[in-house]
Amino acid sequence: MTSHIPTVARKEFDDAGRSKLLWSLIGLLVGLVAIGYVAIWYTMDDVSAAEVLSFLGMPLQVILPVAALIAGYMAVVGERRSGSIKLLLGLPPNRTDVVIGKLLGRMGVVGLAVGLAFLVSLILGAGLFGSVPFLDWLGFAAVSLLFGLTFVGLAVGVSAGVSTRGKSMAIVVGLYMVFVALWELLTAGPYYLIYDEGPPVAAETWYLVVQQFNPIFAYTNLASSIVENSIYPFKFQYGLQSMEAYGMTPAERYPGEAPFFLQDWFGVVVLLCWLVVPVAIGYVRFQKTDL
């Protein structure tokens, strides 16, 4: 059977590329990278290209998930809302082609955003600060690409699994708020109730595991292990745990040698889980839906 995934993916890339809001976010990301590099060069002395590379961590983790969620949350449910999904499935593409093609097409847009941001950082880093550590730059770019694609997968999976635009938007916005604004309340809060104190630096293993499974934490832990300076996660802090712990990874907080699931590299597994599992759930629900 001939696969029509490439055809659907090309159409999705073109459709997503028409979103003014999405391109505004991509332009904002690239603009912040450029402005940040110039500002650091103008205001700070004796800064190397390796040191300034970590600056990318903040605009990427703030803007990239939002852009990815906007790119993906209407991917499938938008077709259902307009009724065009019946016409699309009446043509050669089947439901598998639709979900995978839409996923790849939206991934292409986010991948382009990451590529542009890192291209600007490479040009400005070399021009303003000297030679760029290419392996660090490449590793950071790869991890950032995976981070962006993770949120595309999350959004497309939700879009495939629900029936209305409102549900899709509510779920993706809700999940983003959990990751950024509510994670500490939902994890350190129960810890306090169980142990009658906030999580110390050497917290219980289960708590460190839960921390690792926030995709934003997983990304910053991975990125910090690649670049010269630490990259701190963009999140709300409520003072429920030790202040010293805020700047530490789960592996650093574990007493002794950390198990593999707390090590920085395990962040790749976490991001892949957040990419694959929502798509798989959305795909199964979409296959069973009576359109």
Foldseek 3Di string as FASTA:
>chain_A
DDFCLQVLLVVLLVVLVVDPVLVVLLVVLLVCLLVQLVVCLVPDPPDALLRCLLVSLVSLQVRLLVSLLVSAQQQQLVCLVVVVVVVVCVDPHHLVSSLNSNLNNSLVSSLVSLVSNLVSSCVSNCVRHNHHPVVLSVQLSVLSSLLSSLSNLLNNLLNLQDNHSVSSVVVSVVLVCCLAENVCCVQQVVVCVVVVAGAELQGDPVSLLSQLLRLQLLSQLLSQVRGDHGHFGRHDDDPRYDPVNRRDFSCVSHPDGDPPSRHSVVSSVSSVCSNPVSSVNSSVNNVPDDD
